């Protein structure tokens, strides 16, 4: 991700009576130099390498959350063990709230051992039944080895039961913005109503990376040992591509072979999800192709930092005659490589801003488009507060506003 200016701005300037109304002005660009203009006749980006046999797939830019390509991205499907990314998120969030600790001793209960242990058809970590292990070790076993036994034991420790933990999962999923997901268990073992989508899972991966990077870091561990058993991480891309540092595999007979992976090359990070593939190798090949395509044909730019001045607007009836506007969060945009200079920006700000204006108050919107299509938008907020002016300032401005409106 690079920091660049918006090189071309298209903003309608409003002319006010007596020249007193402050017009909507273009946002001043940061000091960096924009890339060279795209040549006339630029070839279109080739279609993404769509997995031939998967049920759904998506590739997303991490910084902006923009979907670069996908198919059936909002179709509800079984997520298999990718579910454990949601389990990791809940655990990290509860640790952050002080409700549990990484050093807690977690019991491998008989229920967890019987439901997800070595005697089942699914993947397991091998922690001994009726014995405890530190939460951080149990979680590593869940993440690296995809241990169902560890996931269940962790859920019981955090919430008392799988059912109670699933309620936490769904609450956090709603907070993340996973609109088409419903979780029933912490493992991803097939259960009635346990469903998610490729888009929702990409949002989940993005949230884990952003909110709890320490928890996310467990996903790049290649192998983990519990007792006499050493098991490898099933994400084959960890061995193929040094830019890949997660996230999670999954497989059941109903879900097929699934993979959610993330990679960072330079300042850019992408997330790709494939659901319902036909083999362990195929899911890795499909996700690798999607990541390569995304990095090859797209780039992410930071246009403005949080609270950096984007525009200055006139204020009526204020102690100050103007207010600085900016964005509350860094404004980023993902565009095809070489097309950054073709971006156009416009601002929507009320013609008459009247004090008082609170610091951080939303007063408008900045919008970005490419080839006439919306790309991104963000609220414009007041960087500084503007208090109400004195009696004579308010009286004079009221007169001017009245005269303008005639």
Protein backbone atom coordinates (compact mmCIF):
# COMPACT_ATOMS: atom_id res chain seq x y z
CA UNK A 1 0.00 0.00 0.00
CA UNK A 2 1.43 3.38 -1.01
CA UNK A 3 0.52 6.90 -0.04
CA UNK A 4 -0.41 8.98 -3.08
CA UNK A 5 -2.43 12.11 -3.93
CA UNK A 6 -5.66 12.22 -5.83
CA UNK A 7 -4.35 13.71 -9.06
CA UNK A 8 -7.61 14.69 -10.75
CA UNK A 9 -10.42 16.33 -8.81
CA UNK A 10 -13.88 17.12 -10.16
CA UNK A 11 -15.87 19.31 -7.78
CA UNK A 12 -18.83 21.59 -8.54
CA UNK A 13 -18.03 25.09 -7.27
CA UNK A 14 -21.02 27.00 -5.94
CA UNK A 15 -21.07 30.77 -6.53
CA UNK A 16 -22.52 32.74 -3.65
CA UNK A 17 -24.15 36.18 -3.62
CA UNK A 18 -21.74 39.05 -2.93
CA UNK A 19 -18.90 36.48 -2.96
CA UNK A 20 -19.51 35.79 0.69
CA UNK A 21 -20.56 32.10 0.62
CA UNK A 22 -17.67 29.67 0.73
CA UNK A 23 -17.73 27.32 -2.28
CA UNK A 24 -17.23 23.56 -2.20
CA UNK A 25 -13.52 23.37 -2.96
CA UNK A 26 -11.34 20.52 -4.19
CA UNK A 27 -9.54 18.58 -1.52
CA UNK A 28 -5.86 19.56 -1.54
CA UNK A 29 -3.66 16.61 -2.43
CA UNK A 30 -0.87 15.31 -0.19
CA UNK A 31 2.66 16.19 -1.19
CA UNK A 32 3.65 12.87 -2.75
CA UNK A 33 3.84 12.51 -6.53
CA UNK A 34 1.20 10.53 -8.40
CA UNK A 35 2.21 7.66 -10.69
CA UNK A 36 2.45 8.28 -14.40
CA UNK A 37 -0.86 8.57 -16.23
CA UNK A 38 -2.21 5.45 -17.76
CA UNK A 39 -1.59 5.31 -21.47
CA UNK A 40 -4.49 5.74 -23.86
CA UNK A 41 -5.87 2.39 -24.86
CA UNK A 42 -4.96 0.64 -21.61
CA UNK A 43 -5.91 -3.03 -21.86
CA UNK A 44 -8.66 -4.19 -19.50
CA UNK A 45 -7.79 -6.35 -16.52
CA UNK A 46 -8.23 -10.03 -17.38
CA UNK A 47 -10.91 -11.91 -15.49
CA UNK A 48 -9.86 -13.50 -12.21
CA UNK A 49 -8.80 -17.15 -12.45
CA UNK A 50 -12.12 -18.55 -11.23
CA UNK A 51 -11.81 -21.92 -9.49
CA UNK A 52 -13.38 -24.45 -11.83
CA UNK A 53 -15.12 -26.69 -9.31
CA UNK A 54 -15.56 -24.74 -6.08
CA UNK A 55 -18.98 -23.70 -4.79
CA UNK A 56 -17.97 -20.11 -3.95
CA UNK A 57 -14.87 -17.93 -3.90
CA UNK A 58 -13.76 -14.36 -3.31
CA UNK A 59 -10.59 -12.25 -3.28
CA UNK A 60 -10.62 -9.12 -1.11
CA UNK A 61 -8.25 -6.24 -0.49
CA UNK A 62 -7.42 -6.14 3.21
CA UNK A 63 -6.87 -2.40 3.62
CA UNK A 64 -10.18 -1.31 2.10
CA UNK A 65 -12.34 -4.43 2.36
CA UNK A 66 -13.06 -4.05 -1.35
CA UNK A 67 -14.05 -7.24 -3.18
CA UNK A 68 -11.83 -7.50 -6.25
CA UNK A 69 -13.57 -10.56 -7.70
CA UNK A 70 -15.76 -13.43 -6.60
CA UNK A 71 -18.55 -15.84 -7.39
CA UNK A 72 -21.48 -16.83 -5.18
CA UNK A 73 -19.87 -14.69 -2.50
CA UNK A 74 -23.08 -14.36 -0.45
CA UNK A 75 -24.29 -17.95 -0.89
CA UNK A 76 -24.63 -19.68 2.48
CA UNK A 77 -22.45 -22.79 2.71
CA UNK A 78 -20.87 -24.91 5.42
CA UNK A 79 -17.53 -23.31 6.38
CA UNK A 80 -16.02 -26.49 7.93
CA UNK A 81 -12.97 -25.73 10.11
CA UNK A 82 -12.65 -22.16 8.85
CA UNK A 83 -15.16 -21.77 11.67
CA UNK A 84 -12.19 -21.91 14.04
CA UNK A 85 -11.14 -18.43 12.87
CA UNK A 86 -14.37 -17.20 14.49
CA UNK A 87 -13.48 -19.22 17.58
CA UNK A 88 -10.04 -17.55 17.65
CA UNK A 89 -11.65 -14.13 17.28
CA UNK A 90 -13.99 -14.72 20.22
CA UNK A 91 -11.17 -15.98 22.43
CA UNK A 92 -8.97 -12.99 21.56
CA UNK A 93 -11.84 -10.57 22.22
CA UNK A 94 -12.63 -12.15 25.58
CA UNK A 95 -8.94 -12.02 26.56
CA UNK A 96 -8.85 -8.34 25.58
CA UNK A 97 -11.85 -7.73 27.86
CA UNK A 98 -10.07 -9.47 30.75
CA UNK A 99 -12.63 -12.27 31.01
CA UNK A 100 -10.08 -15.01 30.38
CA UNK A 101 -6.30 -15.12 30.25
CA UNK A 102 -3.78 -16.75 27.93
CA UNK A 103 -2.29 -18.40 31.01
CA UNK A 104 -5.59 -19.97 32.12
CA UNK A 105 -5.54 -23.72 32.58
CA UNK A 106 -8.09 -25.26 30.19
CA UNK A 107 -9.51 -28.68 30.96
CA UNK A 108 -9.85 -31.26 28.19
CA UNK A 109 -13.24 -32.50 29.30
CA UNK A 110 -14.70 -35.88 28.43
CA UNK A 111 -17.24 -34.16 26.19
CA UNK A 112 -14.53 -32.33 24.26
CA UNK A 113 -12.42 -35.49 24.00
CA UNK A 114 -15.30 -37.73 22.88
CA UNK A 115 -16.74 -35.21 20.43
CA UNK A 116 -13.54 -33.95 18.86
CA UNK A 117 -10.71 -36.21 19.97
CA UNK A 118 -8.70 -39.04 18.45
CA UNK A 119 -11.65 -41.41 18.39
CA UNK A 120 -13.57 -39.25 15.90
CA UNK A 121 -13.26 -38.83 12.15
CA UNK A 122 -12.18 -35.19 12.40
CA UNK A 123 -8.86 -33.52 13.12
CA UNK A 124 -7.70 -33.42 16.73
CA UNK A 125 -4.85 -32.05 18.84
CA UNK A 126 -4.33 -34.94 21.29
CA UNK A 127 -4.49 -33.20 24.65
CA UNK A 128 -5.14 -35.79 27.37
CA UNK A 129 -8.67 -36.20 28.65
CA UNK A 130 -9.41 -34.83 32.14
CA UNK A 131 -6.10 -32.95 32.16
CA UNK A 132 -5.43 -29.25 31.75
CA UNK A 133 -3.14 -27.23 29.50
CA UNK A 134 -2.52 -23.48 29.23
CA UNK A 135 -5.09 -21.69 27.07
CA UNK A 136 -2.40 -20.41 24.68
CA UNK A 137 -1.20 -23.98 24.05
CA UNK A 138 -4.71 -25.29 23.60
CA UNK A 139 -5.46 -22.48 21.15
CA UNK A 140 -2.27 -23.17 19.19
CA UNK A 141 -3.37 -26.79 18.88
CA UNK A 142 -6.73 -25.64 17.59
CA UNK A 143 -5.24 -23.23 15.06
CA UNK A 144 -2.26 -25.20 13.75
CA UNK A 145 -3.58 -28.75 14.02
CA UNK A 146 -7.24 -27.74 13.49
CA UNK A 147 -8.01 -29.66 16.65
CA UNK A 148 -11.73 -30.10 17.23
CA UNK A 149 -11.05 -31.34 20.76
CA UNK A 150 -9.13 -28.15 21.56
CA UNK A 151 -11.86 -25.94 20.05
CA UNK A 152 -14.56 -27.55 22.18
CA UNK A 153 -12.48 -27.40 25.37
CA UNK A 154 -11.73 -23.72 24.74
CA UNK A 155 -15.39 -22.96 24.12
CA UNK A 156 -16.37 -24.66 27.37
CA UNK A 157 -13.69 -22.73 29.26
CA UNK A 158 -14.69 -19.35 27.83
CA UNK A 159 -18.48 -19.68 27.95
CA UNK A 160 -19.35 -22.84 29.91
CA UNK A 161 -20.73 -24.79 26.96
CA UNK A 162 -20.58 -25.00 23.18
CA UNK A 163 -24.09 -23.59 22.98
CA UNK A 164 -23.23 -20.54 25.07
CA UNK A 165 -20.02 -20.02 23.12
CA UNK A 166 -21.97 -20.15 19.84
CA UNK A 167 -24.05 -17.24 21.12
CA UNK A 168 -20.84 -15.26 21.58
CA UNK A 169 -19.73 -16.26 18.08
CA UNK A 170 -22.93 -14.94 16.54
CA UNK A 171 -22.78 -11.71 18.56
CA UNK A 172 -19.22 -11.00 17.43
CA UNK A 173 -20.08 -12.02 13.85
CA UNK A 174 -22.84 -9.40 13.81
CA UNK A 175 -20.42 -6.80 15.15
CA UNK A 176 -17.93 -7.63 12.39
CA UNK A 177 -20.65 -7.27 9.75
CA UNK A 178 -21.07 -10.94 8.82
CA UNK A 179 -24.68 -10.59 7.67
CA UNK A 180 -25.20 -14.09 6.26
CA UNK A 181 -23.53 -16.27 8.88
CA UNK A 182 -24.84 -18.36 11.75
CA UNK A 183 -22.64 -20.47 14.01
CA UNK A 184 -23.79 -23.48 16.00
CA UNK A 185 -20.48 -24.90 17.24
CA UNK A 186 -16.83 -23.80 17.63
CA UNK A 187 -15.39 -26.53 15.37
CA UNK A 188 -17.12 -26.39 12.02
CA UNK A 189 -18.30 -29.98 12.27
CA UNK A 190 -21.53 -30.28 10.26
CA UNK A 191 -24.57 -29.06 12.19
CA UNK A 192 -28.02 -27.90 11.16
CA UNK A 193 -27.97 -24.16 10.49
CA UNK A 194 -24.18 -23.79 10.78
CA UNK A 195 -23.53 -21.64 7.70
CA UNK A 196 -21.43 -18.78 6.40
CA UNK A 197 -20.41 -17.24 3.07
CA UNK A 198 -17.17 -16.57 1.23
CA UNK A 199 -17.68 -12.82 1.68
CA UNK A 200 -18.44 -13.08 5.40
CA UNK A 201 -15.40 -15.28 6.00
CA UNK A 202 -13.14 -12.81 4.20
CA UNK A 203 -14.53 -10.08 6.47
CA UNK A 204 -13.80 -12.31 9.46
CA UNK A 205 -10.21 -12.87 8.38
CA UNK A 206 -9.79 -9.14 7.87
CA UNK A 207 -11.17 -8.45 11.34
CA UNK A 208 -8.88 -10.98 13.04
CA UNK A 209 -5.79 -9.56 11.31
CA UNK A 210 -6.75 -5.99 12.18
CA UNK A 211 -8.17 -6.40 15.68
CA UNK A 212 -6.00 -9.16 17.13
CA UNK A 213 -2.72 -9.52 15.20
CA UNK A 214 -1.17 -11.59 18.01
CA UNK A 215 -3.91 -14.20 17.69
CA UNK A 216 -3.62 -14.08 13.91
CA UNK A 217 0.13 -14.79 14.12
CA UNK A 218 -0.60 -18.34 15.32
CA UNK A 219 -1.86 -19.15 11.82
CA UNK A 220 1.60 -19.05 10.24
CA UNK A 221 3.05 -21.71 12.57
CA UNK A 222 3.85 -24.70 10.36
CA UNK A 223 3.65 -27.48 12.94
CA UNK A 224 2.82 -28.07 16.59
CA UNK A 225 3.49 -30.90 19.01
CA UNK A 226 1.18 -32.19 21.73
CA UNK A 227 2.67 -35.03 23.76
CA UNK A 228 4.26 -37.49 21.34
CA UNK A 229 2.28 -36.25 18.32
CA UNK A 230 3.58 -33.59 15.92
CA UNK A 231 1.16 -32.42 13.26
CA UNK A 232 1.68 -29.98 10.37
CA UNK A 233 -0.46 -27.02 9.48
CA UNK A 234 -2.74 -28.11 6.63
CA UNK A 235 -2.36 -24.82 4.77
CA UNK A 236 -0.03 -25.90 1.95
CA UNK A 237 0.57 -22.28 0.91
CA UNK A 238 2.69 -21.73 4.03
CA UNK A 239 5.32 -23.90 2.35
CA UNK A 240 4.79 -22.65 -1.20
CA UNK A 241 4.60 -18.87 -0.83
CA UNK A 242 6.62 -16.89 1.70
CA UNK A 243 4.14 -14.00 1.50
CA UNK A 244 1.33 -16.19 2.89
CA UNK A 245 0.98 -16.04 6.69
CA UNK A 246 -2.44 -17.62 7.25
CA UNK A 247 -5.30 -18.27 7.64
CA UNK A 248 -7.24 -21.55 7.88
CA UNK A 249 -8.20 -24.73 6.07
CA UNK A 250 -11.38 -26.75 6.43
CA UNK A 251 -12.86 -30.02 5.23
CA UNK A 252 -15.94 -32.14 5.83
CA UNK A 253 -17.78 -34.44 3.48
CA UNK A 254 -20.60 -31.88 3.21
CA UNK A 255 -18.45 -28.75 2.92
CA UNK A 256 -15.74 -30.12 0.65
CA UNK A 257 -12.23 -28.70 0.82
CA UNK A 258 -12.11 -25.07 1.95
CA UNK A 259 -9.32 -22.55 2.40
CA UNK A 260 -9.08 -18.95 3.55
CA UNK A 261 -5.60 -17.53 3.01
CA UNK A 262 -3.97 -14.14 3.39
CA UNK A 263 -0.72 -12.85 1.97
CA UNK A 264 1.24 -9.62 2.22
CA UNK A 265 3.55 -8.39 -0.51
CA UNK A 266 5.18 -5.07 0.20
CA UNK A 267 2.56 -2.82 1.79
CA UNK A 268 -0.38 -4.63 0.22
CA UNK A 269 -2.33 -7.50 1.78
CA UNK A 270 -5.03 -9.64 0.16
CA UNK A 271 -7.43 -12.26 1.49
CA UNK A 272 -8.82 -15.08 -0.65
CA UNK A 273 -11.47 -17.67 0.22
CA UNK A 274 -12.44 -20.84 -1.66
CA UNK A 275 -15.31 -23.03 -0.43
CA UNK A 276 -16.32 -26.50 -1.63
CA UNK A 277 -13.22 -27.47 -3.58
CA UNK A 278 -12.34 -31.05 -4.52
CA UNK A 279 -8.98 -31.69 -2.84
CA UNK A 280 -6.35 -30.29 -0.52
CA UNK A 281 -4.08 -29.52 -3.48
CA UNK A 282 -6.87 -27.98 -5.56
CA UNK A 283 -7.90 -25.52 -2.86
CA UNK A 284 -4.27 -24.42 -2.49
CA UNK A 285 -3.82 -24.06 -6.25
CA UNK A 286 -7.05 -22.07 -6.60
CA UNK A 287 -6.27 -19.66 -3.76
CA UNK A 288 -2.69 -19.19 -4.97
CA UNK A 289 -3.95 -18.21 -8.41
CA UNK A 290 -6.41 -15.71 -6.94
CA UNK A 291 -3.76 -14.09 -4.76
CA UNK A 292 -1.29 -13.83 -7.65
CA UNK A 293 -3.96 -12.25 -9.86
CA UNK A 294 -4.96 -9.73 -7.20
CA UNK A 295 -1.40 -8.62 -6.48
CA UNK A 296 -0.58 -8.42 -10.19
CA UNK A 297 -3.49 -6.25 -11.27
CA UNK A 298 -4.49 -4.12 -8.24
CA UNK A 299 -2.83 -1.68 -5.90
CA UNK A 300 -3.94 0.12 -2.76
CA UNK A 301 -3.22 3.78 -2.01
CA UNK A 302 -3.65 5.89 1.08
CA UNK A 303 -5.12 9.22 0.07
CA UNK A 304 -5.35 10.94 3.45
CA UNK A 305 -4.35 10.15 7.00
CA UNK A 306 -6.84 10.46 9.82
CA UNK A 307 -7.37 14.12 10.82
CA UNK A 308 -5.25 15.41 7.95
CA UNK A 309 -6.70 18.55 6.36
CA UNK A 310 -8.69 17.79 3.22
CA UNK A 311 -10.49 21.10 2.82
CA UNK A 312 -11.23 24.42 4.52
CA UNK A 313 -14.81 25.70 4.54
CA UNK A 314 -16.39 29.01 5.53
CA UNK A 315 -18.41 29.03 8.75
CA UNK A 316 -21.25 31.45 9.44
CA UNK A 317 -22.00 32.88 12.91
CA UNK A 318 -18.80 31.39 14.32
CA UNK A 319 -15.98 32.58 16.55
CA UNK A 320 -13.76 31.47 13.66
CA UNK A 321 -14.62 32.29 10.04
CA UNK A 322 -13.66 28.83 8.77
CA UNK A 323 -13.31 25.20 9.71
CA UNK A 324 -10.80 22.59 8.64
CA UNK A 325 -12.29 19.34 7.34
CA UNK A 326 -10.68 15.90 7.21
CA UNK A 327 -11.46 12.21 7.54
CA UNK A 328 -11.78 10.43 10.88
CA UNK A 329 -10.09 7.28 9.58
CA UNK A 330 -7.34 6.93 6.96
CA UNK A 331 -8.91 7.08 3.50
CA UNK A 332 -7.67 4.26 1.30
CA UNK A 333 -8.67 3.12 -2.15
CA UNK A 334 -7.91 0.05 -4.26
CA UNK A 335 -7.66 0.55 -8.02
CA UNK A 336 -6.31 -1.31 -11.05
CA UNK A 337 -2.57 -0.82 -11.37
CA UNK A 338 -1.71 2.25 -13.40
CA UNK A 339 -5.18 3.81 -13.06
CA UNK A 340 -4.64 5.86 -9.92
CA UNK A 341 -4.28 9.14 -11.79
CA UNK A 342 -7.67 8.59 -13.44
CA UNK A 343 -9.43 8.79 -10.07
CA UNK A 344 -11.84 11.66 -9.61
CA UNK A 345 -12.88 13.11 -6.28
CA UNK A 346 -15.82 15.25 -5.27
CA UNK A 347 -17.03 16.69 -2.00
CA UNK A 348 -20.58 17.16 -0.78
CA UNK A 349 -20.66 19.92 1.85
CA UNK A 350 -23.61 22.15 2.79
CA UNK A 351 -23.27 25.55 1.21
CA UNK A 352 -23.88 27.24 4.55
CA UNK A 353 -22.11 25.80 7.59
CA UNK A 354 -23.37 27.49 10.75
CA UNK A 355 -21.63 27.44 14.14
CA UNK A 356 -21.41 25.90 16.60
CA UNK A 357 -19.61 22.91 15.05
CA UNK A 358 -18.18 20.22 17.33
CA UNK A 359 -14.81 18.63 16.79
CA UNK A 360 -15.33 15.36 14.92
CA UNK A 361 -18.83 16.37 13.75
CA UNK A 362 -19.73 15.06 10.32
CA UNK A 363 -20.34 17.91 7.92
CA UNK A 364 -20.06 16.29 4.51
CA UNK A 365 -18.81 13.44 2.35
CA UNK A 366 -15.84 12.90 0.06
CA UNK A 367 -16.46 10.53 -2.86
CA UNK A 368 -14.07 8.80 -5.23
CA UNK A 369 -14.90 7.40 -8.64
CA UNK A 370 -13.11 5.74 -11.54
CA UNK A 371 -14.48 5.84 -15.07
CA UNK A 372 -17.72 7.20 -13.66
CA UNK A 373 -18.19 4.33 -11.20
CA UNK A 374 -18.10 4.88 -7.41
CA UNK A 375 -14.99 3.42 -5.78
CA UNK A 376 -15.07 4.71 -2.21
CA UNK A 377 -16.49 7.40 0.01
CA UNK A 378 -15.88 8.64 3.53
CA UNK A 379 -17.41 11.17 5.93
CA UNK A 380 -15.82 14.60 6.14
CA UNK A 381 -15.56 15.72 9.76
CA UNK A 382 -14.51 18.89 11.52
CA UNK A 383 -10.89 18.66 12.62
CA UNK A 384 -11.38 21.55 15.05
CA UNK A 385 -14.38 22.82 16.98
CA UNK A 386 -15.87 26.16 16.00
CA UNK A 387 -17.72 27.90 18.81
CA UNK A 388 -20.61 30.25 18.26
CA UNK A 389 -19.50 33.82 17.58
CA UNK A 390 -20.43 36.94 19.53
CA UNK A 391 -23.69 38.84 19.21
CA UNK A 392 -22.58 41.22 16.44
CA UNK A 393 -20.95 38.41 14.41
CA UNK A 394 -24.16 36.39 14.57
CA UNK A 395 -26.27 39.43 13.72
CA UNK A 396 -24.14 40.41 10.72
CA UNK A 397 -23.98 36.87 9.34
CA UNK A 398 -27.71 36.46 9.79
CA UNK A 399 -28.22 39.58 7.70
CA UNK A 400 -25.86 38.33 5.00
CA UNK A 401 -27.55 34.93 4.89
CA UNK A 402 -30.94 36.59 4.58
CA UNK A 403 -29.70 38.77 1.75
CA UNK A 404 -28.21 35.75 -0.03
CA UNK A 405 -31.45 33.85 0.11
CA UNK A 406 -33.48 36.60 -1.58
